[in-house]
Amino acid sequence: MQESDLKQFESLPHSTSCRLIDFDDVRVVPGIVPKSFILIVSGTKPWVTMKVELHPLIYIRQPEYWGIEVVGCQSGIGLPQTAPYQVSLDISHLLGTKGVEVVGASTREQINVP
């Protein structure tokens, strides 16, 4: 990916149904295969009908900490009732030189990964 490709992507309109949401706990556990890692993020979503996912940021060069956003998407009829969530992502190929940084609505947390 070139810098011009990234600028073209960033110029596209933003989604109206998805938002960054907060998280309460973040951990990285080893995967089954050597040198593989799983990121596990948990918290409370603001809408019980919201789908929560982890979205890695796009980089041209490997950063120190690879940013991974906690994104909640709402579609259809929503129920504005809080509910717990837990999501996971294989980050074996999404590591910065030092680790990952989880990005929520109001906080960020850097995690060193061996």
PDB file of N, CA and C in Angstrom:
ATOM      1  N   MET A   1       0.838  -1.168   0.000  1.00  0.00           N
ATOM      2  CA  MET A   1       0.000   0.000   0.000  1.00  0.00           C
ATOM      3  C   MET A   1       0.888   1.238   0.000  1.00  0.00           C
ATOM      4  N   GLN A   2       0.529   2.184  -0.810  1.00  0.00           N
ATOM      5  CA  GLN A   2       1.255   3.447  -0.918  1.00  0.00           C
ATOM      6  C   GLN A   2       0.531   4.521  -0.100  1.00  0.00           C
ATOM      7  N   GLU A   3       1.229   5.607   0.189  1.00  0.00           N
ATOM      8  CA  GLU A   3       0.627   6.706   0.939  1.00  0.00           C
ATOM      9  C   GLU A   3      -0.577   7.291   0.196  1.00  0.00           C
ATOM     10  N   SER A   4      -0.505   7.346  -1.126  1.00  0.00           N
ATOM     11  CA  SER A   4      -1.631   7.873  -1.913  1.00  0.00           C
ATOM     12  C   SER A   4      -2.867   6.967  -1.785  1.00  0.00           C
ATOM     13  N   ASP A   5      -2.648   5.658  -1.681  1.00  0.00           N
ATOM     14  CA  ASP A   5      -3.765   4.725  -1.482  1.00  0.00           C
ATOM     15  C   ASP A   5      -4.448   4.989  -0.137  1.00  0.00           C
ATOM     16  N   LEU A   6      -3.645   5.230   0.888  1.00  0.00           N
ATOM     17  CA  LEU A   6      -4.183   5.492   2.218  1.00  0.00           C
ATOM     18  C   LEU A   6      -4.974   6.807   2.230  1.00  0.00           C
ATOM     19  N   LYS A   7      -4.456   7.832   1.572  1.00  0.00           N
ATOM     20  CA  LYS A   7      -5.163   9.114   1.509  1.00  0.00           C
ATOM     21  C   LYS A   7      -6.490   8.972   0.770  1.00  0.00           C
ATOM     22  N   GLN A   8      -6.505   8.179  -0.280  1.00  0.00           N
ATOM     23  CA  GLN A   8      -7.743   7.942  -1.024  1.00  0.00           C
ATOM     24  C   GLN A   8      -8.771   7.240  -0.129  1.00  0.00           C
ATOM     25  N   PHE A   9      -8.324   6.243   0.623  1.00  0.00           N
ATOM     26  CA  PHE A   9      -9.211   5.536   1.542  1.00  0.00           C
ATOM     27  C   PHE A   9      -9.759   6.484   2.607  1.00  0.00           C
ATOM     28  N   GLU A  10      -8.881   7.308   3.202  1.00  0.00           N
ATOM     29  CA  GLU A  10      -9.288   8.224   4.261  1.00  0.00           C
ATOM     30  C   GLU A  10     -10.256   9.299   3.771  1.00  0.00           C
ATOM     31  N   SER A  11     -10.305   9.557   2.483  1.00  0.00           N
ATOM     32  CA  SER A  11     -11.209  10.572   1.946  1.00  0.00           C
ATOM     33  C   SER A  11     -12.645  10.056   1.764  1.00  0.00           C
ATOM     34  N   LEU A  12     -12.844   8.758   1.892  1.00  0.00           N
ATOM     35  CA  LEU A  12     -14.192   8.194   1.768  1.00  0.00           C
ATOM     36  C   LEU A  12     -15.065   8.642   2.948  1.00  0.00           C
ATOM     37  N   PRO A  13     -16.392   8.734   2.766  1.00  0.00           N
ATOM     38  CA  PRO A  13     -17.282   9.154   3.868  1.00  0.00           C
ATOM     39  C   PRO A  13     -17.240   8.159   5.030  1.00  0.00           C
ATOM     40  N   HIS A  14     -17.468   8.681   6.248  1.00  0.00           N
ATOM     41  CA  HIS A  14     -17.500   7.845   7.451  1.00  0.00           C
ATOM     42  C   HIS A  14     -18.850   7.155   7.586  1.00  0.00           C
ATOM     43  N   SER A  15     -18.858   6.012   8.216  1.00  0.00           N
ATOM     44  CA  SER A  15     -20.088   5.280   8.505  1.00  0.00           C
ATOM     45  C   SER A  15     -20.887   6.024   9.572  1.00  0.00           C
ATOM     46  N   THR A  16     -22.191   5.961   9.499  1.00  0.00           N
ATOM     47  CA  THR A  16     -23.031   6.584  10.529  1.00  0.00           C
ATOM     48  C   THR A  16     -23.539   5.583  11.550  1.00  0.00           C
ATOM     49  N   SER A  17     -23.346   4.290  11.311  1.00  0.00           N
ATOM     50  CA  SER A  17     -23.883   3.284  12.221  1.00  0.00           C
ATOM     51  C   SER A  17     -22.827   2.644  13.122  1.00  0.00           C
ATOM     52  N   CYS A  18     -21.567   3.048  12.992  1.00  0.00           N
ATOM     53  CA  CYS A  18     -20.495   2.461  13.797  1.00  0.00           C
ATOM     54  C   CYS A  18     -19.760   3.547  14.582  1.00  0.00           C
ATOM     55  N   ARG A  19     -19.336   3.195  15.787  1.00  0.00           N
ATOM     56  CA  ARG A  19     -18.636   4.124  16.666  1.00  0.00           C
ATOM     57  C   ARG A  19     -17.566   3.390  17.463  1.00  0.00           C
ATOM     58  N   LEU A  20     -16.520   4.125  17.874  1.00  0.00           N
ATOM     59  CA  LEU A  20     -15.583   3.584  18.845  1.00  0.00           C
ATOM     60  C   LEU A  20     -16.327   3.460  20.170  1.00  0.00           C
ATOM     61  N   ILE A  21     -16.106   2.373  20.889  1.00  0.00           N
ATOM     62  CA  ILE A  21     -16.706   2.217  22.210  1.00  0.00           C
ATOM     63  C   ILE A  21     -15.610   1.879  23.212  1.00  0.00           C
ATOM     64  N   ASP A  22     -15.906   2.085  24.479  1.00  0.00           N
ATOM     65  CA  ASP A  22     -14.925   1.837  25.533  1.00  0.00           C
ATOM     66  C   ASP A  22     -14.778   0.355  25.849  1.00  0.00           C
ATOM     67  N   PHE A  23     -13.688   0.041  26.508  1.00  0.00           N
ATOM     68  CA  PHE A  23     -13.404  -1.321  26.947  1.00  0.00           C
ATOM     69  C   PHE A  23     -12.978  -1.263  28.408  1.00  0.00           C
ATOM     70  N   ASP A  24     -13.095  -2.391  29.092  1.00  0.00           N
ATOM     71  CA  ASP A  24     -12.708  -2.482  30.499  1.00  0.00           C
ATOM     72  C   ASP A  24     -11.436  -3.289  30.696  1.00  0.00           C
ATOM     73  N   ASP A  25     -11.247  -4.312  29.886  1.00  0.00           N
ATOM     74  CA  ASP A  25     -10.117  -5.223  30.089  1.00  0.00           C
ATOM     75  C   ASP A  25      -9.519  -5.618  28.744  1.00  0.00           C
ATOM     76  N   VAL A  26      -8.197  -5.693  28.714  1.00  0.00           N
ATOM     77  CA  VAL A  26      -7.458  -6.081  27.511  1.00  0.00           C
ATOM     78  C   VAL A  26      -6.387  -7.078  27.929  1.00  0.00           C
ATOM     79  N   ARG A  27      -6.257  -8.146  27.151  1.00  0.00           N
ATOM     80  CA  ARG A  27      -5.156  -9.086  27.415  1.00  0.00           C
ATOM     81  C   ARG A  27      -4.745  -9.769  26.124  1.00  0.00           C
ATOM     82  N   VAL A  28      -3.505 -10.186  26.097  1.00  0.00           N
ATOM     83  CA  VAL A  28      -2.963 -10.940  24.969  1.00  0.00           C
ATOM     84  C   VAL A  28      -2.546 -12.295  25.498  1.00  0.00           C
ATOM     85  N   VAL A  29      -3.020 -13.350  24.829  1.00  0.00           N
ATOM     86  CA  VAL A  29      -2.671 -14.711  25.236  1.00  0.00           C
ATOM     87  C   VAL A  29      -1.980 -15.407  24.064  1.00  0.00           C
ATOM     88  N   PRO A  30      -1.088 -16.348  24.371  1.00  0.00           N
ATOM     89  CA  PRO A  30      -0.439 -17.086  23.281  1.00  0.00           C
ATOM     90  C   PRO A  30      -1.436 -17.976  22.554  1.00  0.00           C
ATOM     91  N   GLY A  31      -1.239 -18.100  21.242  1.00  0.00           N
ATOM     92  CA  GLY A  31      -2.066 -18.995  20.445  1.00  0.00           C
ATOM     93  C   GLY A  31      -1.556 -20.420  20.529  1.00  0.00           C
ATOM     94  N   ILE A  32      -2.190 -21.315  19.803  1.00  0.00           N
ATOM     95  CA  ILE A  32      -1.807 -22.730  19.799  1.00  0.00           C
ATOM     96  C   ILE A  32      -0.492 -22.927  19.051  1.00  0.00           C
ATOM     97  N   VAL A  33      -0.331 -22.201  17.952  1.00  0.00           N
ATOM     98  CA  VAL A  33       0.873 -22.287  17.127  1.00  0.00           C
ATOM     99  C   VAL A  33       1.957 -21.395  17.741  1.00  0.00           C
ATOM    100  N   PRO A  34       3.223 -21.844  17.772  1.00  0.00           N
ATOM    101  CA  PRO A  34       4.292 -20.996  18.318  1.00  0.00           C
ATOM    102  C   PRO A  34       4.330 -19.618  17.629  1.00  0.00           C
ATOM    103  N   LYS A  35       4.636 -18.592  18.418  1.00  0.00           N
ATOM    104  CA  LYS A  35       4.727 -17.199  17.960  1.00  0.00           C
ATOM    105  C   LYS A  35       3.406 -16.664  17.422  1.00  0.00           C
ATOM    106  N   SER A  36       2.285 -17.193  17.917  1.00  0.00           N
ATOM    107  CA  SER A  36       0.967 -16.650  17.563  1.00  0.00           C
ATOM    108  C   SER A  36       0.350 -16.077  18.831  1.00  0.00           C
ATOM    109  N   PHE A  37      -0.461 -15.015  18.642  1.00  0.00           N
ATOM    110  CA  PHE A  37      -1.033 -14.305  19.779  1.00  0.00           C
ATOM    111  C   PHE A  37      -2.481 -13.930  19.494  1.00  0.00           C
ATOM    112  N   ILE A  38      -3.301 -13.979  20.546  1.00  0.00           N
ATOM    113  CA  ILE A  38      -4.719 -13.625  20.458  1.00  0.00           C
ATOM    114  C   ILE A  38      -4.961 -12.440  21.396  1.00  0.00           C
ATOM    115  N   LEU A  39      -5.582 -11.384  20.854  1.00  0.00           N
ATOM    116  CA  LEU A  39      -5.983 -10.226  21.651  1.00  0.00           C
ATOM    117  C   LEU A  39      -7.424 -10.447  22.107  1.00  0.00           C
ATOM    118  N   ILE A  40      -7.680 -10.289  23.392  1.00  0.00           N
ATOM    119  CA  ILE A  40      -9.027 -10.435  23.948  1.00  0.00           C
ATOM    120  C   ILE A  40      -9.391  -9.116  24.630  1.00  0.00           C
ATOM    121  N   VAL A  41     -10.511  -8.541  24.222  1.00  0.00           N
ATOM    122  CA  VAL A  41     -10.984  -7.263  24.758  1.00  0.00           C
ATOM    123  C   VAL A  41     -12.399  -7.460  25.282  1.00  0.00           C
ATOM    124  N   SER A  42     -12.676  -6.924  26.473  1.00  0.00           N
ATOM    125  CA  SER A  42     -14.025  -7.031  27.034  1.00  0.00           C
ATOM    126  C   SER A  42     -14.447  -5.710  27.654  1.00  0.00           C
ATOM    127  N   GLY A  43     -15.744  -5.564  27.798  1.00  0.00           N
ATOM    128  CA  GLY A  43     -16.295  -4.342  28.373  1.00  0.00           C
ATOM    129  C   GLY A  43     -17.805  -4.402  28.375  1.00  0.00           C
ATOM    130  N   THR A  44     -18.416  -3.226  28.388  1.00  0.00           N
ATOM    131  CA  THR A  44     -19.868  -3.111  28.371  1.00  0.00           C
ATOM    132  C   THR A  44     -20.268  -2.273  27.167  1.00  0.00           C
ATOM    133  N   LYS A  45     -21.098  -2.846  26.307  1.00  0.00           N
ATOM    134  CA  LYS A  45     -21.564  -2.096  25.138  1.00  0.00           C
ATOM    135  C   LYS A  45     -22.811  -1.309  25.517  1.00  0.00           C
ATOM    136  N   PRO A  46     -22.989  -0.112  24.933  1.00  0.00           N
ATOM    137  CA  PRO A  46     -24.108   0.744  25.315  1.00  0.00           C
ATOM    138  C   PRO A  46     -25.467   0.285  24.802  1.00  0.00           C
ATOM    139  N   TRP A  47     -25.489  -0.545  23.793  1.00  0.00           N
ATOM    140  CA  TRP A  47     -26.740  -1.072  23.234  1.00  0.00           C
ATOM    141  C   TRP A  47     -26.618  -2.590  23.174  1.00  0.00           C
ATOM    142  N   VAL A  48     -27.586  -3.298  23.715  1.00  0.00           N
ATOM    143  CA  VAL A  48     -27.535  -4.756  23.738  1.00  0.00           C
ATOM    144  C   VAL A  48     -27.523  -5.333  22.317  1.00  0.00           C
ATOM    145  N   THR A  49     -28.088  -4.623  21.355  1.00  0.00           N
ATOM    146  CA  THR A  49     -28.162  -5.100  19.978  1.00  0.00           C
ATOM    147  C   THR A  49     -26.938  -4.706  19.136  1.00  0.00           C
ATOM    148  N   MET A  50     -25.974  -4.064  19.746  1.00  0.00           N
ATOM    149  CA  MET A  50     -24.771  -3.615  19.039  1.00  0.00           C
ATOM    150  C   MET A  50     -23.803  -4.773  18.826  1.00  0.00           C
ATOM    151  N   LYS A  51     -23.208  -4.839  17.631  1.00  0.00           N
ATOM    152  CA  LYS A  51     -22.184  -5.839  17.325  1.00  0.00           C
ATOM    153  C   LYS A  51     -20.816  -5.188  17.532  1.00  0.00           C
ATOM    154  N   VAL A  52     -19.972  -5.811  18.335  1.00  0.00           N
ATOM    155  CA  VAL A  52     -18.652  -5.263  18.642  1.00  0.00           C
ATOM    156  C   VAL A  52     -17.586  -6.056  17.901  1.00  0.00           C
ATOM    157  N   GLU A  53     -16.647  -5.338  17.292  1.00  0.00           N
ATOM    158  CA  GLU A  53     -15.550  -5.961  16.540  1.00  0.00           C
ATOM    159  C   GLU A  53     -14.249  -5.215  16.829  1.00  0.00           C
ATOM    160  N   LEU A  54     -13.140  -5.873  16.539  1.00  0.00           N
ATOM    161  CA  LEU A  54     -11.818  -5.254  16.632  1.00  0.00           C
ATOM    162  C   LEU A  54     -11.325  -4.973  15.225  1.00  0.00           C
ATOM    163  N   HIS A  55     -10.998  -3.707  14.954  1.00  0.00           N
ATOM    164  CA  HIS A  55     -10.574  -3.290  13.617  1.00  0.00           C
ATOM    165  C   HIS A  55      -9.137  -2.780  13.653  1.00  0.00           C
ATOM    166  N   PRO A  56      -8.199  -3.499  13.039  1.00  0.00           N
ATOM    167  CA  PRO A  56      -6.818  -3.027  12.974  1.00  0.00           C
ATOM    168  C   PRO A  56      -6.715  -1.785  12.084  1.00  0.00           C
ATOM    169  N   LEU A  57      -5.878  -0.845  12.493  1.00  0.00           N
ATOM    170  CA  LEU A  57      -5.630   0.344  11.682  1.00  0.00           C
ATOM    171  C   LEU A  57      -4.748  -0.024  10.496  1.00  0.00           C
ATOM    172  N   ILE A  58      -4.714   0.864   9.516  1.00  0.00           N
ATOM    173  CA  ILE A  58      -3.923   0.645   8.304  1.00  0.00           C
ATOM    174  C   ILE A  58      -2.632   1.447   8.412  1.00  0.00           C
ATOM    175  N   TYR A  59      -1.509   0.819   8.102  1.00  0.00           N
ATOM    176  CA  TYR A  59      -0.207   1.488   8.149  1.00  0.00           C
ATOM    177  C   TYR A  59       0.565   1.237   6.860  1.00  0.00           C
ATOM    178  N   ILE A  60       1.409   2.191   6.532  1.00  0.00           N
ATOM    179  CA  ILE A  60       2.307   2.024   5.392  1.00  0.00           C
ATOM    180  C   ILE A  60       3.587   1.343   5.861  1.00  0.00           C
ATOM    181  N   ARG A  61       4.042   1.696   7.071  1.00  0.00           N
ATOM    182  CA  ARG A  61       5.214   1.076   7.690  1.00  0.00           C
ATOM    183  C   ARG A  61       4.815   0.528   9.062  1.00  0.00           C
ATOM    184  N   GLN A  62       5.486  -0.493   9.494  1.00  0.00           N
ATOM    185  CA  GLN A  62       5.189  -1.098  10.796  1.00  0.00           C
ATOM    186  C   GLN A  62       5.455  -0.097  11.917  1.00  0.00           C
ATOM    187  N   PRO A  63       4.439   0.199  12.738  1.00  0.00           N
ATOM    188  CA  PRO A  63       4.626   1.131  13.851  1.00  0.00           C
ATOM    189  C   PRO A  63       5.194   0.417  15.081  1.00  0.00           C
ATOM    190  N   GLU A  64       5.490   1.164  16.134  1.00  0.00           N
ATOM    191  CA  GLU A  64       5.914   0.541  17.391  1.00  0.00           C
ATOM    192  C   GLU A  64       4.766  -0.263  17.994  1.00  0.00           C
ATOM    193  N   TYR A  65       3.575   0.348  18.010  1.00  0.00           N
ATOM    194  CA  TYR A  65       2.383  -0.316  18.539  1.00  0.00           C
ATOM    195  C   TYR A  65       1.306  -0.262  17.465  1.00  0.00           C
ATOM    196  N   TRP A  66       0.858  -1.410  17.012  1.00  0.00           N
ATOM    197  CA  TRP A  66      -0.165  -1.479  15.971  1.00  0.00           C
ATOM    198  C   TRP A  66      -1.517  -1.145  16.606  1.00  0.00           C
ATOM    199  N   GLY A  67      -2.178  -0.114  16.105  1.00  0.00           N
ATOM    200  CA  GLY A  67      -3.465   0.303  16.649  1.00  0.00           C
ATOM    201  C   GLY A  67      -4.601  -0.616  16.244  1.00  0.00           C
ATOM    202  N   ILE A  68      -5.419  -0.974  17.212  1.00  0.00           N
ATOM    203  CA  ILE A  68      -6.592  -1.814  16.962  1.00  0.00           C
ATOM    204  C   ILE A  68      -7.775  -1.144  17.644  1.00  0.00           C
ATOM    205  N   GLU A  69      -8.764  -0.738  16.854  1.00  0.00           N
ATOM    206  CA  GLU A  69      -9.928  -0.024  17.372  1.00  0.00           C
ATOM    207  C   GLU A  69     -11.010  -0.989  17.855  1.00  0.00           C
ATOM    208  N   VAL A  70     -11.681  -0.600  18.944  1.00  0.00           N
ATOM    209  CA  VAL A  70     -12.840  -1.327  19.448  1.00  0.00           C
ATOM    210  C   VAL A  70     -14.057  -0.612  18.872  1.00  0.00           C
ATOM    211  N   VAL A  71     -14.743  -1.265  17.926  1.00  0.00           N
ATOM    212  CA  VAL A  71     -15.815  -0.635  17.164  1.00  0.00           C
ATOM    213  C   VAL A  71     -17.143  -1.340  17.432  1.00  0.00           C
ATOM    214  N   GLY A  72     -18.154  -0.535  17.749  1.00  0.00           N
ATOM    215  CA  GLY A  72     -19.503  -1.056  17.924  1.00  0.00           C
ATOM    216  C   GLY A  72     -20.375  -0.570  16.778  1.00  0.00           C
ATOM    217  N   CYS A  73     -21.086  -1.485  16.123  1.00  0.00           N
ATOM    218  CA  CYS A  73     -21.968  -1.133  15.000  1.00  0.00           C
ATOM    219  C   CYS A  73     -23.404  -1.504  15.363  1.00  0.00           C
ATOM    220  N   GLN A  74     -24.300  -0.582  15.050  1.00  0.00           N
ATOM    221  CA  GLN A  74     -25.712  -0.778  15.338  1.00  0.00           C
ATOM    222  C   GLN A  74     -26.482  -0.762  14.025  1.00  0.00           C
ATOM    223  N   SER A  75     -27.340  -1.740  13.819  1.00  0.00           N
ATOM    224  CA  SER A  75     -28.174  -1.754  12.612  1.00  0.00           C
ATOM    225  C   SER A  75     -29.583  -2.180  12.992  1.00  0.00           C
ATOM    226  N   GLY A  76     -30.524  -1.719  12.208  1.00  0.00           N
ATOM    227  CA  GLY A  76     -31.915  -2.086  12.470  1.00  0.00           C
ATOM    228  C   GLY A  76     -32.434  -1.460  13.749  1.00  0.00           C
ATOM    229  N   ILE A  77     -33.360  -2.134  14.371  1.00  0.00           N
ATOM    230  CA  ILE A  77     -33.963  -1.639  15.607  1.00  0.00           C
ATOM    231  C   ILE A  77     -32.975  -1.854  16.746  1.00  0.00           C
ATOM    232  N   GLY A  78     -32.716  -0.800  17.497  1.00  0.00           N
ATOM    233  CA  GLY A  78     -31.756  -0.886  18.590  1.00  0.00           C
ATOM    234  C   GLY A  78     -32.433  -0.897  19.946  1.00  0.00           C
ATOM    235  N   LEU A  79     -31.817  -1.596  20.877  1.00  0.00           N
ATOM    236  CA  LEU A  79     -32.293  -1.626  22.255  1.00  0.00           C
ATOM    237  C   LEU A  79     -31.245  -0.934  23.122  1.00  0.00           C
ATOM    238  N   PRO A  80     -31.522   0.308  23.582  1.00  0.00           N
ATOM    239  CA  PRO A  80     -30.541   1.067  24.358  1.00  0.00           C
ATOM    240  C   PRO A  80     -30.412   0.563  25.793  1.00  0.00           C
ATOM    241  N   GLN A  81     -29.968  -0.665  25.907  1.00  0.00           N
ATOM    242  CA  GLN A  81     -29.734  -1.311  27.197  1.00  0.00           C
ATOM    243  C   GLN A  81     -28.311  -1.842  27.182  1.00  0.00           C
ATOM    244  N   THR A  82     -27.536  -1.584  28.220  1.00  0.00           N
ATOM    245  CA  THR A  82     -26.149  -2.044  28.241  1.00  0.00           C
ATOM    246  C   THR A  82     -26.072  -3.564  28.346  1.00  0.00           C
ATOM    247  N   ALA A  83     -24.949  -4.105  27.874  1.00  0.00           N
ATOM    248  CA  ALA A  83     -24.714  -5.548  27.930  1.00  0.00           C
ATOM    249  C   ALA A  83     -23.206  -5.796  27.872  1.00  0.00           C
ATOM    250  N   PRO A  84     -22.728  -6.853  28.497  1.00  0.00           N
ATOM    251  CA  PRO A  84     -21.302  -7.155  28.423  1.00  0.00           C
ATOM    252  C   PRO A  84     -20.932  -7.683  27.044  1.00  0.00           C
ATOM    253  N   TYR A  85     -19.662  -7.471  26.672  1.00  0.00           N
ATOM    254  CA  TYR A  85     -19.153  -8.046  25.423  1.00  0.00           C
ATOM    255  C   TYR A  85     -17.742  -8.556  25.648  1.00  0.00           C
ATOM    256  N   GLN A  86     -17.337  -9.492  24.820  1.00  0.00           N
ATOM    257  CA  GLN A  86     -15.955  -9.972  24.770  1.00  0.00           C
ATOM    258  C   GLN A  86     -15.676 -10.355  23.322  1.00  0.00           C
ATOM    259  N   VAL A  87     -14.617  -9.785  22.762  1.00  0.00           N
ATOM    260  CA  VAL A  87     -14.240 -10.066  21.384  1.00  0.00           C
ATOM    261  C   VAL A  87     -12.762 -10.425  21.348  1.00  0.00           C
ATOM    262  N   SER A  88     -12.387 -11.172  20.312  1.00  0.00           N
ATOM    263  CA  SER A  88     -10.990 -11.579  20.194  1.00  0.00           C
ATOM    264  C   SER A  88     -10.536 -11.451  18.746  1.00  0.00           C
ATOM    265  N   LEU A  89      -9.220 -11.364  18.576  1.00  0.00           N
ATOM    266  CA  LEU A  89      -8.625 -11.209  17.252  1.00  0.00           C
ATOM    267  C   LEU A  89      -7.240 -11.824  17.255  1.00  0.00           C
ATOM    268  N   ASP A  90      -6.940 -12.617  16.235  1.00  0.00           N
ATOM    269  CA  ASP A  90      -5.588 -13.145  16.054  1.00  0.00           C
ATOM    270  C   ASP A  90      -4.708 -11.981  15.602  1.00  0.00           C
ATOM    271  N   ILE A  91      -3.740 -11.609  16.418  1.00  0.00           N
ATOM    272  CA  ILE A  91      -2.880 -10.465  16.101  1.00  0.00           C
ATOM    273  C   ILE A  91      -1.476 -10.887  15.677  1.00  0.00           C
ATOM    274  N   SER A  92      -1.312 -12.148  15.349  1.00  0.00           N
ATOM    275  CA  SER A  92       0.017 -12.658  15.001  1.00  0.00           C
ATOM    276  C   SER A  92       0.669 -11.881  13.867  1.00  0.00           C
ATOM    277  N   HIS A  93      -0.133 -11.364  12.937  1.00  0.00           N
ATOM    278  CA  HIS A  93       0.409 -10.614  11.799  1.00  0.00           C
ATOM    279  C   HIS A  93       0.059  -9.136  11.887  1.00  0.00           C
ATOM    280  N   LEU A  94      -0.345  -8.693  13.070  1.00  0.00           N
ATOM    281  CA  LEU A  94      -0.726  -7.298  13.285  1.00  0.00           C
ATOM    282  C   LEU A  94       0.070  -6.686  14.424  1.00  0.00           C
ATOM    283  N   LEU A  95       1.315  -7.083  14.560  1.00  0.00           N
ATOM    284  CA  LEU A  95       2.129  -6.597  15.665  1.00  0.00           C
ATOM    285  C   LEU A  95       3.033  -5.462  15.219  1.00  0.00           C
ATOM    286  N   GLY A  96       3.127  -4.434  16.061  1.00  0.00           N
ATOM    287  CA  GLY A  96       4.127  -3.409  15.857  1.00  0.00           C
ATOM    288  C   GLY A  96       5.465  -3.945  16.348  1.00  0.00           C
ATOM    289  N   THR A  97       6.484  -3.130  16.293  1.00  0.00           N
ATOM    290  CA  THR A  97       7.808  -3.582  16.742  1.00  0.00           C
ATOM    291  C   THR A  97       7.821  -3.873  18.241  1.00  0.00           C
ATOM    292  N   LYS A  98       6.893  -3.237  18.995  1.00  0.00           N
ATOM    293  CA  LYS A  98       6.803  -3.479  20.431  1.00  0.00           C
ATOM    294  C   LYS A  98       5.536  -4.221  20.829  1.00  0.00           C
ATOM    295  N   GLY A  99       4.446  -4.072  20.055  1.00  0.00           N
ATOM    296  CA  GLY A  99       3.204  -4.725  20.430  1.00  0.00           C
ATOM    297  C   GLY A  99       2.002  -4.101  19.763  1.00  0.00           C
ATOM    298  N   VAL A 100       0.880  -4.001  20.520  1.00  0.00           N
ATOM    299  CA  VAL A 100      -0.365  -3.445  19.996  1.00  0.00           C
ATOM    300  C   VAL A 100      -0.872  -2.347  20.933  1.00  0.00           C
ATOM    301  N   GLU A 101      -1.716  -1.476  20.371  1.00  0.00           N
ATOM    302  CA  GLU A 101      -2.389  -0.448  21.159  1.00  0.00           C
ATOM    303  C   GLU A 101      -3.882  -0.562  20.892  1.00  0.00           C
ATOM    304  N   VAL A 102      -4.653  -0.834  21.943  1.00  0.00           N
ATOM    305  CA  VAL A 102      -6.101  -0.949  21.814  1.00  0.00           C
ATOM    306  C   VAL A 102      -6.682   0.460  21.976  1.00  0.00           C
ATOM    307  N   VAL A 103      -7.548   0.845  21.015  1.00  0.00           N
ATOM    308  CA  VAL A 103      -8.098   2.195  20.966  1.00  0.00           C
ATOM    309  C   VAL A 103      -9.604   2.129  21.184  1.00  0.00           C
ATOM    310  N   GLY A 104     -10.061   2.749  22.274  1.00  0.00           N
ATOM    311  CA  GLY A 104     -11.491   2.837  22.559  1.00  0.00           C
ATOM    312  C   GLY A 104     -11.969   4.265  22.409  1.00  0.00           C
ATOM    313  N   ALA A 105     -13.212   4.526  22.811  1.00  0.00           N
ATOM    314  CA  ALA A 105     -13.809   5.849  22.662  1.00  0.00           C
ATOM    315  C   ALA A 105     -13.084   6.902  23.503  1.00  0.00           C
ATOM    316  N   SER A 106     -12.666   6.551  24.703  1.00  0.00           N
ATOM    317  CA  SER A 106     -12.058   7.546  25.576  1.00  0.00           C
ATOM    318  C   SER A 106     -10.728   7.115  26.181  1.00  0.00           C
ATOM    319  N   THR A 107     -10.226   5.969  25.771  1.00  0.00           N
ATOM    320  CA  THR A 107      -8.964   5.502  26.336  1.00  0.00           C
ATOM    321  C   THR A 107      -8.189   4.658  25.330  1.00  0.00           C
ATOM    322  N   ARG A 108      -6.902   4.555  25.565  1.00  0.00           N
ATOM    323  CA  ARG A 108      -5.999   3.705  24.773  1.00  0.00           C
ATOM    324  C   ARG A 108      -5.131   2.912  25.740  1.00  0.00           C
ATOM    325  N   GLU A 109      -4.770   1.714  25.335  1.00  0.00           N
ATOM    326  CA  GLU A 109      -3.885   0.910  26.164  1.00  0.00           C
ATOM    327  C   GLU A 109      -2.863   0.187  25.301  1.00  0.00           C
ATOM    328  N   GLN A 110      -1.583   0.420  25.598  1.00  0.00           N
ATOM    329  CA  GLN A 110      -0.506  -0.244  24.868  1.00  0.00           C
ATOM    330  C   GLN A 110      -0.131  -1.523  25.592  1.00  0.00           C
ATOM    331  N   ILE A 111       0.090  -2.577  24.785  1.00  0.00           N
ATOM    332  CA  ILE A 111       0.478  -3.875  25.342  1.00  0.00           C
ATOM    333  C   ILE A 111       1.714  -4.352  24.617  1.00  0.00           C
ATOM    334  N   ASN A 112       2.762  -4.610  25.367  1.00  0.00           N
ATOM    335  CA  ASN A 112       3.980  -5.187  24.793  1.00  0.00           C
ATOM    336  C   ASN A 112       3.741  -6.664  24.520  1.00  0.00           C
ATOM    337  N   VAL A 113       4.132  -7.093  23.333  1.00  0.00           N
ATOM    338  CA  VAL A 113       3.977  -8.490  22.945  1.00  0.00           C
ATOM    339  C   VAL A 113       5.357  -9.028  22.597  1.00  0.00           C
ATOM    340  N   PRO A 114       5.754 -10.135  23.229  1.00  0.00           N
ATOM    341  CA  PRO A 114       7.117 -10.669  22.986  1.00  0.00           C
ATOM    342  C   PRO A 114       7.343 -11.062  21.535  1.00  0.00           C
TER     343      PRO A 114
END
